[in-house]
Amino acid sequence: MNRPELREYVKPKHIKDYPVGPCYTAGYLVTENSGWRTEKPVVENAGCIGCFYCYLCCPEGVIFKKGKAVDIDYAFCKGCGICARVCPKKAIKMVREEKNHGR
């Protein structure tokens, strides 16, 4: 996925004035960082109402609009779970990361 361009953050006065993408000046991953994640967010798009709170709150900017739903760039997702916590319909669940450790 293409990473969005960073913009300077200025706190909006109204919700309609929030930017349409991440705008963090620090904490934004530029290299893949999924290796230490123990859980990952999984979106149940049938339950998604398109509020995009997850998109606005993701500290790494790995959630993208995909029509009326969202998509997650798992290569950069650190598994923090903020998206799942802010979802008003609980359409994002944190699931245990399944990795093959050579066993």
PDB file of N, CA and C in Angstrom:
ATOM      1  N   MET A   1       0.841  -1.182   0.000  1.00  0.00           N
ATOM      2  CA  MET A   1       0.000   0.000   0.000  1.00  0.00           C
ATOM      3  C   MET A   1       0.881   1.238   0.000  1.00  0.00           C
ATOM      4  N   ASN A   2       0.374   2.296  -0.533  1.00  0.00           N
ATOM      5  CA  ASN A   2       1.102   3.554  -0.507  1.00  0.00           C
ATOM      6  C   ASN A   2       0.894   4.235   0.830  1.00  0.00           C
ATOM      7  N   ARG A   3       1.978   4.687   1.412  1.00  0.00           N
ATOM      8  CA  ARG A   3       1.896   5.382   2.688  1.00  0.00           C
ATOM      9  C   ARG A   3       1.440   6.813   2.435  1.00  0.00           C
ATOM     10  N   PRO A   4       0.543   7.346   3.244  1.00  0.00           N
ATOM     11  CA  PRO A   4       0.075   8.714   3.044  1.00  0.00           C
ATOM     12  C   PRO A   4       1.154   9.737   3.373  1.00  0.00           C
ATOM     13  N   GLU A   5       1.036  10.896   2.778  1.00  0.00           N
ATOM     14  CA  GLU A   5       1.970  11.981   3.052  1.00  0.00           C
ATOM     15  C   GLU A   5       1.659  12.584   4.418  1.00  0.00           C
ATOM     16  N   LEU A   6       2.689  12.891   5.185  1.00  0.00           N
ATOM     17  CA  LEU A   6       2.492  13.481   6.513  1.00  0.00           C
ATOM     18  C   LEU A   6       2.167  14.961   6.394  1.00  0.00           C
ATOM     19  N   ARG A   7       1.298  15.417   7.278  1.00  0.00           N
ATOM     20  CA  ARG A   7       0.933  16.833   7.332  1.00  0.00           C
ATOM     21  C   ARG A   7       1.063  17.314   8.765  1.00  0.00           C
ATOM     22  N   GLU A   8       1.298  18.603   8.931  1.00  0.00           N
ATOM     23  CA  GLU A   8       1.372  19.179  10.268  1.00  0.00           C
ATOM     24  C   GLU A   8      -0.006  19.110  10.911  1.00  0.00           C
ATOM     25  N   TYR A   9      -0.050  18.753  12.199  1.00  0.00           N
ATOM     26  CA  TYR A   9      -1.323  18.629  12.899  1.00  0.00           C
ATOM     27  C   TYR A   9      -1.730  19.956  13.531  1.00  0.00           C
ATOM     28  N   VAL A  10      -2.929  20.386  13.212  1.00  0.00           N
ATOM     29  CA  VAL A  10      -3.554  21.550  13.836  1.00  0.00           C
ATOM     30  C   VAL A  10      -4.911  21.070  14.317  1.00  0.00           C
ATOM     31  N   LYS A  11      -5.176  21.175  15.626  1.00  0.00           N
ATOM     32  CA  LYS A  11      -6.425  20.648  16.176  1.00  0.00           C
ATOM     33  C   LYS A  11      -7.627  21.388  15.586  1.00  0.00           C
ATOM     34  N   PRO A  12      -8.509  20.653  14.897  1.00  0.00           N
ATOM     35  CA  PRO A  12      -9.699  21.262  14.303  1.00  0.00           C
ATOM     36  C   PRO A  12     -10.710  21.700  15.361  1.00  0.00           C
ATOM     37  N   LYS A  13     -11.512  22.693  15.015  1.00  0.00           N
ATOM     38  CA  LYS A  13     -12.554  23.170  15.920  1.00  0.00           C
ATOM     39  C   LYS A  13     -13.801  22.299  15.833  1.00  0.00           C
ATOM     40  N   HIS A  14     -14.056  21.687  14.679  1.00  0.00           N
ATOM     41  CA  HIS A  14     -15.249  20.868  14.457  1.00  0.00           C
ATOM     42  C   HIS A  14     -14.837  19.526  13.864  1.00  0.00           C
ATOM     43  N   ILE A  15     -15.624  18.489  14.096  1.00  0.00           N
ATOM     44  CA  ILE A  15     -15.313  17.148  13.588  1.00  0.00           C
ATOM     45  C   ILE A  15     -15.198  17.134  12.066  1.00  0.00           C
ATOM     46  N   LYS A  16     -15.994  17.941  11.383  1.00  0.00           N
ATOM     47  CA  LYS A  16     -15.951  17.962   9.913  1.00  0.00           C
ATOM     48  C   LYS A  16     -14.641  18.545   9.381  1.00  0.00           C
ATOM     49  N   ASP A  17     -13.885  19.212  10.247  1.00  0.00           N
ATOM     50  CA  ASP A  17     -12.624  19.819   9.840  1.00  0.00           C
ATOM     51  C   ASP A  17     -11.411  18.911  10.046  1.00  0.00           C
ATOM     52  N   TYR A  18     -11.628  17.693  10.571  1.00  0.00           N
ATOM     53  CA  TYR A  18     -10.508  16.779  10.763  1.00  0.00           C
ATOM     54  C   TYR A  18      -9.927  16.383   9.416  1.00  0.00           C
ATOM     55  N   PRO A  19      -8.619  16.128   9.349  1.00  0.00           N
ATOM     56  CA  PRO A  19      -7.988  15.740   8.088  1.00  0.00           C
ATOM     57  C   PRO A  19      -8.451  14.363   7.640  1.00  0.00           C
ATOM     58  N   VAL A  20      -8.231  14.054   6.376  1.00  0.00           N
ATOM     59  CA  VAL A  20      -8.672  12.780   5.824  1.00  0.00           C
ATOM     60  C   VAL A  20      -7.566  11.727   5.855  1.00  0.00           C
ATOM     61  N   GLY A  21      -6.612  11.890   6.717  1.00  0.00           N
ATOM     62  CA  GLY A  21      -5.539  10.914   6.845  1.00  0.00           C
ATOM     63  C   GLY A  21      -4.691  11.209   8.060  1.00  0.00           C
ATOM     64  N   PRO A  22      -3.713  10.360   8.315  1.00  0.00           N
ATOM     65  CA  PRO A  22      -2.867  10.566   9.477  1.00  0.00           C
ATOM     66  C   PRO A  22      -2.034  11.838   9.334  1.00  0.00           C
ATOM     67  N   CYS A  23      -1.756  12.470  10.442  1.00  0.00           N
ATOM     68  CA  CYS A  23      -1.016  13.738  10.403  1.00  0.00           C
ATOM     69  C   CYS A  23      -0.049  13.840  11.573  1.00  0.00           C
ATOM     70  N   TYR A  24       0.480  12.724  12.018  1.00  0.00           N
ATOM     71  CA  TYR A  24       1.360  12.706  13.180  1.00  0.00           C
ATOM     72  C   TYR A  24       2.767  13.125  12.801  1.00  0.00           C
ATOM     73  N   THR A  25       3.442  13.832  13.699  1.00  0.00           N
ATOM     74  CA  THR A  25       4.821  14.239  13.449  1.00  0.00           C
ATOM     75  C   THR A  25       5.809  13.290  14.114  1.00  0.00           C
ATOM     76  N   ALA A  26       5.337  12.415  14.981  1.00  0.00           N
ATOM     77  CA  ALA A  26       6.215  11.452  15.644  1.00  0.00           C
ATOM     78  C   ALA A  26       5.461  10.147  15.820  1.00  0.00           C
ATOM     79  N   GLY A  27       6.189   9.043  15.917  1.00  0.00           N
ATOM     80  CA  GLY A  27       5.565   7.755  16.154  1.00  0.00           C
ATOM     81  C   GLY A  27       5.061   7.062  14.907  1.00  0.00           C
ATOM     82  N   TYR A  28       5.311   7.614  13.760  1.00  0.00           N
ATOM     83  CA  TYR A  28       4.820   7.063  12.501  1.00  0.00           C
ATOM     84  C   TYR A  28       5.861   6.106  11.942  1.00  0.00           C
ATOM     85  N   LEU A  29       5.506   4.847  11.753  1.00  0.00           N
ATOM     86  CA  LEU A  29       6.459   3.854  11.275  1.00  0.00           C
ATOM     87  C   LEU A  29       6.793   4.062   9.802  1.00  0.00           C
ATOM     88  N   VAL A  30       8.070   3.960   9.469  1.00  0.00           N
ATOM     89  CA  VAL A  30       8.494   4.048   8.076  1.00  0.00           C
ATOM     90  C   VAL A  30       9.124   2.740   7.608  1.00  0.00           C
ATOM     91  N   THR A  31       9.316   1.799   8.529  1.00  0.00           N
ATOM     92  CA  THR A  31       9.798   0.471   8.169  1.00  0.00           C
ATOM     93  C   THR A  31       8.812  -0.556   8.712  1.00  0.00           C
ATOM     94  N   GLU A  32       8.769  -1.712   8.053  1.00  0.00           N
ATOM     95  CA  GLU A  32       7.840  -2.752   8.495  1.00  0.00           C
ATOM     96  C   GLU A  32       8.124  -3.115   9.944  1.00  0.00           C
ATOM     97  N   ASN A  33       7.045  -3.333  10.716  1.00  0.00           N
ATOM     98  CA  ASN A  33       7.207  -3.548  12.153  1.00  0.00           C
ATOM     99  C   ASN A  33       6.172  -4.518  12.706  1.00  0.00           C
ATOM    100  N   SER A  34       5.807  -5.511  11.932  1.00  0.00           N
ATOM    101  CA  SER A  34       4.758  -6.416  12.393  1.00  0.00           C
ATOM    102  C   SER A  34       5.305  -7.629  13.136  1.00  0.00           C
ATOM    103  N   GLY A  35       6.615  -7.825  13.165  1.00  0.00           N
ATOM    104  CA  GLY A  35       7.209  -9.035  13.716  1.00  0.00           C
ATOM    105  C   GLY A  35       6.986  -9.273  15.191  1.00  0.00           C
ATOM    106  N   TRP A  36       6.840  -8.256  15.995  1.00  0.00           N
ATOM    107  CA  TRP A  36       6.682  -8.429  17.445  1.00  0.00           C
ATOM    108  C   TRP A  36       5.232  -8.388  17.883  1.00  0.00           C
ATOM    109  N   ARG A  37       4.328  -8.194  16.946  1.00  0.00           N
ATOM    110  CA  ARG A  37       2.902  -8.088  17.266  1.00  0.00           C
ATOM    111  C   ARG A  37       2.379  -9.434  17.777  1.00  0.00           C
ATOM    112  N   THR A  38       1.593  -9.428  18.857  1.00  0.00           N
ATOM    113  CA  THR A  38       0.988 -10.659  19.374  1.00  0.00           C
ATOM    114  C   THR A  38      -0.479 -10.773  18.986  1.00  0.00           C
ATOM    115  N   GLU A  39      -1.097  -9.635  18.688  1.00  0.00           N
ATOM    116  CA  GLU A  39      -2.483  -9.619  18.224  1.00  0.00           C
ATOM    117  C   GLU A  39      -2.580  -8.682  17.033  1.00  0.00           C
ATOM    118  N   LYS A  40      -3.560  -8.938  16.176  1.00  0.00           N
ATOM    119  CA  LYS A  40      -3.777  -8.037  15.049  1.00  0.00           C
ATOM    120  C   LYS A  40      -5.266  -7.729  14.929  1.00  0.00           C
ATOM    121  N   PRO A  41      -5.590  -6.543  14.430  1.00  0.00           N
ATOM    122  CA  PRO A  41      -6.995  -6.182  14.260  1.00  0.00           C
ATOM    123  C   PRO A  41      -7.567  -6.825  13.000  1.00  0.00           C
ATOM    124  N   VAL A  42      -8.764  -7.359  13.125  1.00  0.00           N
ATOM    125  CA  VAL A  42      -9.473  -7.927  11.979  1.00  0.00           C
ATOM    126  C   VAL A  42     -10.813  -7.215  11.886  1.00  0.00           C
ATOM    127  N   VAL A  43     -11.089  -6.663  10.704  1.00  0.00           N
ATOM    128  CA  VAL A  43     -12.305  -5.880  10.499  1.00  0.00           C
ATOM    129  C   VAL A  43     -13.423  -6.771   9.972  1.00  0.00           C
ATOM    130  N   GLU A  44     -14.575  -6.711  10.620  1.00  0.00           N
ATOM    131  CA  GLU A  44     -15.791  -7.376  10.139  1.00  0.00           C
ATOM    132  C   GLU A  44     -16.562  -6.295   9.383  1.00  0.00           C
ATOM    133  N   ASN A  45     -16.313  -6.198   8.076  1.00  0.00           N
ATOM    134  CA  ASN A  45     -16.876  -5.101   7.292  1.00  0.00           C
ATOM    135  C   ASN A  45     -18.398  -5.075   7.285  1.00  0.00           C
ATOM    136  N   ALA A  46     -19.045  -6.201   7.530  1.00  0.00           N
ATOM    137  CA  ALA A  46     -20.514  -6.217   7.591  1.00  0.00           C
ATOM    138  C   ALA A  46     -21.019  -5.384   8.769  1.00  0.00           C
ATOM    139  N   GLY A  47     -20.235  -5.298   9.831  1.00  0.00           N
ATOM    140  CA  GLY A  47     -20.632  -4.523  11.002  1.00  0.00           C
ATOM    141  C   GLY A  47     -20.149  -3.086  10.977  1.00  0.00           C
ATOM    142  N   CYS A  48     -19.289  -2.762  10.022  1.00  0.00           N
ATOM    143  CA  CYS A  48     -18.708  -1.418   9.917  1.00  0.00           C
ATOM    144  C   CYS A  48     -19.756  -0.432   9.414  1.00  0.00           C
ATOM    145  N   ILE A  49     -19.884   0.706  10.114  1.00  0.00           N
ATOM    146  CA  ILE A  49     -20.860   1.727   9.715  1.00  0.00           C
ATOM    147  C   ILE A  49     -20.203   2.877   8.952  1.00  0.00           C
ATOM    148  N   GLY A  50     -18.909   2.770   8.710  1.00  0.00           N
ATOM    149  CA  GLY A  50     -18.213   3.792   7.934  1.00  0.00           C
ATOM    150  C   GLY A  50     -17.959   5.090   8.671  1.00  0.00           C
ATOM    151  N   CYS A  51     -17.849   5.050   9.988  1.00  0.00           N
ATOM    152  CA  CYS A  51     -17.575   6.276  10.758  1.00  0.00           C
ATOM    153  C   CYS A  51     -16.107   6.681  10.635  1.00  0.00           C
ATOM    154  N   PHE A  52     -15.241   5.697  10.349  1.00  0.00           N
ATOM    155  CA  PHE A  52     -13.809   5.885  10.160  1.00  0.00           C
ATOM    156  C   PHE A  52     -13.077   6.425  11.393  1.00  0.00           C
ATOM    157  N   TYR A  53     -13.636   6.182  12.592  1.00  0.00           N
ATOM    158  CA  TYR A  53     -12.915   6.542  13.818  1.00  0.00           C
ATOM    159  C   TYR A  53     -11.592   5.783  13.882  1.00  0.00           C
ATOM    160  N   CYS A  54     -11.604   4.529  13.461  1.00  0.00           N
ATOM    161  CA  CYS A  54     -10.385   3.722  13.470  1.00  0.00           C
ATOM    162  C   CYS A  54      -9.321   4.372  12.592  1.00  0.00           C
ATOM    163  N   TYR A  55      -9.731   4.837  11.456  1.00  0.00           N
ATOM    164  CA  TYR A  55      -8.860   5.494  10.481  1.00  0.00           C
ATOM    165  C   TYR A  55      -8.258   6.770  11.071  1.00  0.00           C
ATOM    166  N   LEU A  56      -9.081   7.536  11.759  1.00  0.00           N
ATOM    167  CA  LEU A  56      -8.613   8.788  12.354  1.00  0.00           C
ATOM    168  C   LEU A  56      -7.702   8.568  13.555  1.00  0.00           C
ATOM    169  N   CYS A  57      -7.917   7.492  14.307  1.00  0.00           N
ATOM    170  CA  CYS A  57      -7.192   7.275  15.565  1.00  0.00           C
ATOM    171  C   CYS A  57      -5.958   6.393  15.455  1.00  0.00           C
ATOM    172  N   CYS A  58      -5.748   5.735  14.331  1.00  0.00           N
ATOM    173  CA  CYS A  58      -4.595   4.838  14.192  1.00  0.00           C
ATOM    174  C   CYS A  58      -3.294   5.634  14.307  1.00  0.00           C
ATOM    175  N   PRO A  59      -2.462   5.339  15.322  1.00  0.00           N
ATOM    176  CA  PRO A  59      -1.236   6.116  15.514  1.00  0.00           C
ATOM    177  C   PRO A  59      -0.185   5.888  14.435  1.00  0.00           C
ATOM    178  N   GLU A  60      -0.293   4.804  13.692  1.00  0.00           N
ATOM    179  CA  GLU A  60       0.690   4.516  12.649  1.00  0.00           C
ATOM    180  C   GLU A  60       0.166   4.787  11.243  1.00  0.00           C
ATOM    181  N   GLY A  61      -1.091   5.155  11.107  1.00  0.00           N
ATOM    182  CA  GLY A  61      -1.646   5.470   9.796  1.00  0.00           C
ATOM    183  C   GLY A  61      -1.727   4.273   8.867  1.00  0.00           C
ATOM    184  N   VAL A  62      -2.037   3.093   9.421  1.00  0.00           N
ATOM    185  CA  VAL A  62      -2.067   1.878   8.606  1.00  0.00           C
ATOM    186  C   VAL A  62      -3.474   1.464   8.193  1.00  0.00           C
ATOM    187  N   ILE A  63      -4.469   2.255   8.560  1.00  0.00           N
ATOM    188  CA  ILE A  63      -5.849   1.963   8.182  1.00  0.00           C
ATOM    189  C   ILE A  63      -6.227   2.882   7.034  1.00  0.00           C
ATOM    190  N   PHE A  64      -6.791   2.285   5.990  1.00  0.00           N
ATOM    191  CA  PHE A  64      -7.117   3.017   4.783  1.00  0.00           C
ATOM    192  C   PHE A  64      -8.582   2.855   4.433  1.00  0.00           C
ATOM    193  N   LYS A  65      -9.170   3.886   3.868  1.00  0.00           N
ATOM    194  CA  LYS A  65     -10.539   3.798   3.372  1.00  0.00           C
ATOM    195  C   LYS A  65     -10.546   2.910   2.142  1.00  0.00           C
ATOM    196  N   LYS A  66     -11.505   2.010   2.083  1.00  0.00           N
ATOM    197  CA  LYS A  66     -11.673   1.132   0.928  1.00  0.00           C
ATOM    198  C   LYS A  66     -13.162   1.123   0.625  1.00  0.00           C
ATOM    199  N   GLY A  67     -13.616   2.113  -0.136  1.00  0.00           N
ATOM    200  CA  GLY A  67     -15.043   2.284  -0.371  1.00  0.00           C
ATOM    201  C   GLY A  67     -15.701   2.739   0.914  1.00  0.00           C
ATOM    202  N   LYS A  68     -16.714   1.987   1.355  1.00  0.00           N
ATOM    203  CA  LYS A  68     -17.392   2.311   2.612  1.00  0.00           C
ATOM    204  C   LYS A  68     -16.822   1.525   3.781  1.00  0.00           C
ATOM    205  N   ALA A  69     -15.760   0.772   3.525  1.00  0.00           N
ATOM    206  CA  ALA A  69     -15.136  -0.051   4.559  1.00  0.00           C
ATOM    207  C   ALA A  69     -13.690   0.407   4.759  1.00  0.00           C
ATOM    208  N   VAL A  70     -12.944  -0.355   5.522  1.00  0.00           N
ATOM    209  CA  VAL A  70     -11.536  -0.043   5.771  1.00  0.00           C
ATOM    210  C   VAL A  70     -10.661  -1.252   5.468  1.00  0.00           C
ATOM    211  N   ASP A  71      -9.392  -0.984   5.222  1.00  0.00           N
ATOM    212  CA  ASP A  71      -8.397  -2.019   4.993  1.00  0.00           C
ATOM    213  C   ASP A  71      -7.203  -1.689   5.881  1.00  0.00           C
ATOM    214  N   ILE A  72      -6.464  -2.699   6.300  1.00  0.00           N
ATOM    215  CA  ILE A  72      -5.339  -2.507   7.214  1.00  0.00           C
ATOM    216  C   ILE A  72      -4.058  -2.997   6.554  1.00  0.00           C
ATOM    217  N   ASP A  73      -3.006  -2.194   6.617  1.00  0.00           N
ATOM    218  CA  ASP A  73      -1.688  -2.578   6.118  1.00  0.00           C
ATOM    219  C   ASP A  73      -0.971  -3.300   7.262  1.00  0.00           C
ATOM    220  N   TYR A  74      -1.064  -4.631   7.270  1.00  0.00           N
ATOM    221  CA  TYR A  74      -0.516  -5.418   8.370  1.00  0.00           C
ATOM    222  C   TYR A  74       1.011  -5.382   8.445  1.00  0.00           C
ATOM    223  N   ALA A  75       1.686  -5.021   7.364  1.00  0.00           N
ATOM    224  CA  ALA A  75       3.147  -4.941   7.394  1.00  0.00           C
ATOM    225  C   ALA A  75       3.620  -3.857   8.357  1.00  0.00           C
ATOM    226  N   PHE A  76       2.799  -2.833   8.573  1.00  0.00           N
ATOM    227  CA  PHE A  76       3.179  -1.723   9.442  1.00  0.00           C
ATOM    228  C   PHE A  76       2.376  -1.666  10.739  1.00  0.00           C
ATOM    229  N   CYS A  77       1.316  -2.451  10.847  1.00  0.00           N
ATOM    230  CA  CYS A  77       0.475  -2.456  12.050  1.00  0.00           C
ATOM    231  C   CYS A  77       1.255  -3.046  13.224  1.00  0.00           C
ATOM    232  N   LYS A  78       1.274  -2.324  14.349  1.00  0.00           N
ATOM    233  CA  LYS A  78       1.984  -2.826  15.528  1.00  0.00           C
ATOM    234  C   LYS A  78       1.061  -3.556  16.496  1.00  0.00           C
ATOM    235  N   GLY A  79      -0.233  -3.629  16.195  1.00  0.00           N
ATOM    236  CA  GLY A  79      -1.161  -4.385  17.023  1.00  0.00           C
ATOM    237  C   GLY A  79      -1.543  -3.720  18.321  1.00  0.00           C
ATOM    238  N   CYS A  80      -1.576  -2.400  18.355  1.00  0.00           N
ATOM    239  CA  CYS A  80      -1.862  -1.680  19.607  1.00  0.00           C
ATOM    240  C   CYS A  80      -3.316  -1.821  20.056  1.00  0.00           C
ATOM    241  N   GLY A  81      -4.248  -2.027  19.120  1.00  0.00           N
ATOM    242  CA  GLY A  81      -5.651  -2.231  19.472  1.00  0.00           C
ATOM    243  C   GLY A  81      -6.476  -0.968  19.617  1.00  0.00           C
ATOM    244  N   ILE A  82      -5.894   0.191  19.348  1.00  0.00           N
ATOM    245  CA  ILE A  82      -6.653   1.437  19.462  1.00  0.00           C
ATOM    246  C   ILE A  82      -7.852   1.417  18.525  1.00  0.00           C
ATOM    247  N   CYS A  83      -7.675   0.924  17.318  1.00  0.00           N
ATOM    248  CA  CYS A  83      -8.772   0.882  16.348  1.00  0.00           C
ATOM    249  C   CYS A  83      -9.954   0.078  16.887  1.00  0.00           C
ATOM    250  N   ALA A  84      -9.674  -1.053  17.520  1.00  0.00           N
ATOM    251  CA  ALA A  84     -10.736  -1.895  18.075  1.00  0.00           C
ATOM    252  C   ALA A  84     -11.440  -1.204  19.240  1.00  0.00           C
ATOM    253  N   ARG A  85     -10.687  -0.463  20.032  1.00  0.00           N
ATOM    254  CA  ARG A  85     -11.284   0.218  21.195  1.00  0.00           C
ATOM    255  C   ARG A  85     -12.178   1.376  20.798  1.00  0.00           C
ATOM    256  N   VAL A  86     -11.842   2.088  19.710  1.00  0.00           N
ATOM    257  CA  VAL A  86     -12.638   3.261  19.332  1.00  0.00           C
ATOM    258  C   VAL A  86     -13.819   2.916  18.436  1.00  0.00           C
ATOM    259  N   CYS A  87     -13.887   1.698  17.926  1.00  0.00           N
ATOM    260  CA  CYS A  87     -14.981   1.310  17.028  1.00  0.00           C
ATOM    261  C   CYS A  87     -16.303   1.259  17.797  1.00  0.00           C
ATOM    262  N   PRO A  88     -17.268   2.131  17.453  1.00  0.00           N
ATOM    263  CA  PRO A  88     -18.525   2.168  18.207  1.00  0.00           C
ATOM    264  C   PRO A  88     -19.390   0.925  18.009  1.00  0.00           C
ATOM    265  N   LYS A  89     -19.186   0.185  16.929  1.00  0.00           N
ATOM    266  CA  LYS A  89     -19.974  -1.022  16.655  1.00  0.00           C
ATOM    267  C   LYS A  89     -19.201  -2.304  16.932  1.00  0.00           C
ATOM    268  N   LYS A  90     -17.984  -2.167  17.471  1.00  0.00           N
ATOM    269  CA  LYS A  90     -17.129  -3.326  17.783  1.00  0.00           C
ATOM    270  C   LYS A  90     -16.940  -4.220  16.555  1.00  0.00           C
ATOM    271  N   ALA A  91     -16.787  -3.578  15.384  1.00  0.00           N
ATOM    272  CA  ALA A  91     -16.592  -4.304  14.131  1.00  0.00           C
ATOM    273  C   ALA A  91     -15.128  -4.680  13.915  1.00  0.00           C
ATOM    274  N   ILE A  92     -14.257  -4.258  14.818  1.00  0.00           N
ATOM    275  CA  ILE A  92     -12.844  -4.630  14.748  1.00  0.00           C
ATOM    276  C   ILE A  92     -12.521  -5.451  15.987  1.00  0.00           C
ATOM    277  N   LYS A  93     -12.035  -6.649  15.757  1.00  0.00           N
ATOM    278  CA  LYS A  93     -11.666  -7.552  16.847  1.00  0.00           C
ATOM    279  C   LYS A  93     -10.162  -7.778  16.815  1.00  0.00           C
ATOM    280  N   MET A  94      -9.559  -7.826  17.986  1.00  0.00           N
ATOM    281  CA  MET A  94      -8.143  -8.163  18.083  1.00  0.00           C
ATOM    282  C   MET A  94      -8.046  -9.686  18.198  1.00  0.00           C
ATOM    283  N   VAL A  95      -7.330 -10.289  17.253  1.00  0.00           N
ATOM    284  CA  VAL A  95      -7.180 -11.747  17.247  1.00  0.00           C
ATOM    285  C   VAL A  95      -5.707 -12.103  17.419  1.00  0.00           C
ATOM    286  N   ARG A  96      -5.489 -13.233  18.049  1.00  0.00           N
ATOM    287  CA  ARG A  96      -4.122 -13.696  18.309  1.00  0.00           C
ATOM    288  C   ARG A  96      -3.382 -13.868  16.986  1.00  0.00           C
ATOM    289  N   GLU A  97      -2.167 -13.339  16.946  1.00  0.00           N
ATOM    290  CA  GLU A  97      -1.320 -13.450  15.759  1.00  0.00           C
ATOM    291  C   GLU A  97      -0.824 -14.880  15.646  1.00  0.00           C
ATOM    292  N   GLU A  98      -1.037 -15.486  14.502  1.00  0.00           N
ATOM    293  CA  GLU A  98      -0.591 -16.860  14.293  1.00  0.00           C
ATOM    294  C   GLU A  98       0.641 -16.834  13.413  1.00  0.00           C
ATOM    295  N   LYS A  99       1.751 -17.267  13.973  1.00  0.00           N
ATOM    296  CA  LYS A  99       3.010 -17.291  13.230  1.00  0.00           C
ATOM    297  C   LYS A  99       3.622 -18.674  13.352  1.00  0.00           C
ATOM    298  N   ASN A 100       4.258 -19.096  12.301  1.00  0.00           N
ATOM    299  CA  ASN A 100       4.956 -20.371  12.309  1.00  0.00           C
ATOM    300  C   ASN A 100       6.393 -20.108  12.754  1.00  0.00           C
ATOM    301  N   HIS A 101       6.740 -20.574  13.930  1.00  0.00           N
ATOM    302  CA  HIS A 101       8.078 -20.358  14.473  1.00  0.00           C
ATOM    303  C   HIS A 101       8.979 -21.571  14.230  1.00  0.00           C
ATOM    304  N   GLY A 102       8.746 -22.284  13.134  1.00  0.00           N
ATOM    305  CA  GLY A 102       9.583 -23.422  12.799  1.00  0.00           C
ATOM    306  C   GLY A 102       9.299 -24.658  13.619  1.00  0.00           C
ATOM    307  N   ARG A 103       8.143 -24.727  14.228  1.00  0.00           N
ATOM    308  CA  ARG A 103       7.800 -25.877  15.074  1.00  0.00           C
ATOM    309  C   ARG A 103       6.906 -26.819  14.342  1.00  0.00           C
TER     310      ARG A 103
END
